[in-house]
C-alpha atoms as a PDB file:
ATOM      1  CA  MET A   1      55.592 -31.364   0.046  1.00  0.00           C
ATOM      2  CA  SER A   2      53.623 -31.118  -3.314  1.00  0.00           C
ATOM      3  CA  HIS A   3      52.569 -28.218  -5.364  1.00  0.00           C
ATOM      4  CA  TYR A   4      49.730 -28.370  -7.693  1.00  0.00           C
ATOM      5  CA  PHE A   5      49.011 -26.304 -10.750  1.00  0.00           C
ATOM      6  CA  TYR A   6      45.123 -25.764 -11.672  1.00  0.00           C
ATOM      7  CA  ILE A   7      42.540 -23.983 -13.522  1.00  0.00           C
ATOM      8  CA  ALA A   8      38.973 -23.002 -11.765  1.00  0.00           C
ATOM      9  CA  ARG A   9      35.813 -21.486 -12.926  1.00  0.00           C
ATOM     10  CA  CYS A  10      34.455 -18.817 -12.141  1.00  0.00           C
ATOM     11  CA  LYS A  11      31.070 -18.258 -11.711  1.00  0.00           C
ATOM     12  CA  ASP A  12      31.149 -16.257 -14.869  1.00  0.00           C
ATOM     13  CA  ALA A  13      32.654 -19.085 -16.729  1.00  0.00           C
ATOM     14  CA  SER A  14      35.715 -17.732 -16.557  1.00  0.00           C
ATOM     15  CA  LEU A  15      38.843 -19.241 -15.775  1.00  0.00           C
ATOM     16  CA  TYR A  16      41.420 -18.391 -13.045  1.00  0.00           C
ATOM     17  CA  ILE A  17      44.811 -20.306 -13.339  1.00  0.00           C
ATOM     18  CA  GLY A  18      47.269 -20.613 -10.026  1.00  0.00           C
ATOM     19  CA  CYS A  19      49.233 -23.122  -8.222  1.00  0.00           C
ATOM     20  CA  THR A  20      49.404 -23.703  -4.413  1.00  0.00           C
ATOM     21  CA  ASN A  21      50.503 -25.892  -2.056  1.00  0.00           C
ATOM     22  CA  SER A  22      46.529 -26.516  -0.638  1.00  0.00           C
ATOM     23  CA  LEU A  23      44.068 -27.036  -3.562  1.00  0.00           C
ATOM     24  CA  GLU A  24      40.613 -27.196  -0.674  1.00  0.00           C
ATOM     25  CA  GLN A  25      42.460 -24.332   1.159  1.00  0.00           C
ATOM     26  CA  ARG A  26      43.322 -22.349  -2.172  1.00  0.00           C
ATOM     27  CA  ILE A  27      40.001 -22.112  -3.475  1.00  0.00           C
ATOM     28  CA  ALA A  28      38.434 -21.337   0.054  1.00  0.00           C
ATOM     29  CA  ARG A  29      40.524 -18.155  -0.056  1.00  0.00           C
ATOM     30  CA  HIS A  30      39.610 -17.677  -3.103  1.00  0.00           C
ATOM     31  CA  ASN A  31      35.710 -17.512  -2.787  1.00  0.00           C
ATOM     32  CA  SER A  32      36.191 -15.780   0.930  1.00  0.00           C
ATOM     33  CA  GLY A  33      37.182 -12.667  -1.134  1.00  0.00           C
ATOM     34  CA  ALA A  34      41.041 -12.920   0.158  1.00  0.00           C
ATOM     35  CA  GLY A  35      42.415 -14.444  -1.976  1.00  0.00           C
ATOM     36  CA  ALA A  36      42.974 -13.033  -5.899  1.00  0.00           C
ATOM     37  CA  HIS A  37      40.796 -10.102  -6.772  1.00  0.00           C
ATOM     38  CA  TRP A  38      39.891 -11.878  -9.694  1.00  0.00           C
ATOM     39  CA  PHE A  39      37.241 -14.012  -8.003  1.00  0.00           C
ATOM     40  CA  ASN A  40      36.044 -10.708  -6.627  1.00  0.00           C
ATOM     41  CA  VAL A  41      35.106  -9.569  -9.891  1.00  0.00           C
ATOM     42  CA  HIS A  42      34.107 -12.403 -11.254  1.00  0.00           C
ATOM     43  CA  GLY A  43      32.647 -14.402  -8.757  1.00  0.00           C
ATOM     44  CA  GLU A  44      33.139 -17.734  -6.913  1.00  0.00           C
ATOM     45  CA  GLY A  45      34.720 -20.439  -8.453  1.00  0.00           C
ATOM     46  CA  ALA A  46      35.879 -24.003  -8.433  1.00  0.00           C
ATOM     47  CA  ILE A  47      38.645 -26.218  -8.883  1.00  0.00           C
ATOM     48  CA  VAL A  48      37.869 -27.582 -12.979  1.00  0.00           C
ATOM     49  CA  TYR A  49      41.264 -28.865 -13.212  1.00  0.00           C
ATOM     50  CA  SER A  50      44.639 -29.717 -11.209  1.00  0.00           C
ATOM     51  CA  GLU A  51      48.225 -31.185 -12.084  1.00  0.00           C
ATOM     52  CA  THR A  52      50.995 -32.299  -9.294  1.00  0.00           C
ATOM     53  CA  TYR A  53      54.003 -30.989  -9.082  1.00  0.00           C
ATOM     54  CA  PRO A  54      57.170 -32.092  -6.680  1.00  0.00           C
ATOM     55  CA  ASN A  55      57.664 -28.078  -5.919  1.00  0.00           C
ATOM     56  CA  TYR A  56      56.851 -24.765  -6.364  1.00  0.00           C
ATOM     57  CA  LEU A  57      59.208 -24.484  -8.971  1.00  0.00           C
ATOM     58  CA  THR A  58      57.958 -26.399 -11.854  1.00  0.00           C
ATOM     59  CA  ALA A  59      53.744 -25.965 -10.715  1.00  0.00           C
ATOM     60  CA  HIS A  60      54.474 -22.438 -11.444  1.00  0.00           C
ATOM     61  CA  ARG A  61      56.333 -23.080 -14.314  1.00  0.00           C
ATOM     62  CA  ARG A  62      53.102 -25.056 -16.170  1.00  0.00           C
ATOM     63  CA  GLU A  63      50.987 -22.018 -14.088  1.00  0.00           C
ATOM     64  CA  LEU A  64      53.159 -19.519 -16.656  1.00  0.00           C
ATOM     65  CA  GLN A  65      52.610 -22.009 -19.732  1.00  0.00           C
ATOM     66  CA  ILE A  66      48.859 -22.567 -19.708  1.00  0.00           C
ATOM     67  CA  LYS A  67      48.523 -18.579 -19.392  1.00  0.00           C
ATOM     68  CA  LYS A  68      49.745 -18.067 -22.377  1.00  0.00           C
ATOM     69  CA  TRP A  69      46.991 -20.784 -23.977  1.00  0.00           C
ATOM     70  CA  SER A  70      44.398 -19.815 -25.909  1.00  0.00           C
ATOM     71  CA  ARG A  71      40.066 -20.377 -24.401  1.00  0.00           C
ATOM     72  CA  ILE A  72      40.022 -23.071 -26.766  1.00  0.00           C
ATOM     73  CA  LYS A  73      43.292 -24.725 -25.784  1.00  0.00           C
ATOM     74  CA  LYS A  74      42.284 -24.490 -21.982  1.00  0.00           C
ATOM     75  CA  GLU A  75      39.138 -25.894 -22.667  1.00  0.00           C
ATOM     76  CA  HIS A  76      40.152 -28.844 -24.839  1.00  0.00           C
ATOM     77  CA  LEU A  77      43.255 -29.993 -21.142  1.00  0.00           C
ATOM     78  CA  ILE A  78      40.045 -29.570 -18.449  1.00  0.00           C
ATOM     79  CA  ALA A  79      37.790 -31.803 -20.962  1.00  0.00           C
ATOM     80  CA  GLY A  80      40.810 -34.498 -20.748  1.00  0.00           C
ATOM     81  CA  LEU A  81      41.293 -33.876 -25.052  1.00  0.00           C
ATOM     82  CA  LYS A  82      44.251 -33.639 -26.355  1.00  0.00           C
ATOM     83  CA  PRO A  83      44.962 -29.065 -26.614  1.00  0.00           C
END
């Protein structure tokens, strides 16, 4: 089963970073209020970037790596520019 690292942009333009095995179900859960508390504070969101990995561990490692990046570097990744 594939897993995904993803970046979601909330209504207030903040970025949320996570990983999941179903992008569609995860963003629906976030937007319903049953996901991360972040979305309750920052508003509904949409996935603006994702990468596919063969397992949870590699997707989670990528999540931890990107969380350390600056906002500018994350925006470059989303835009397809060299981070």
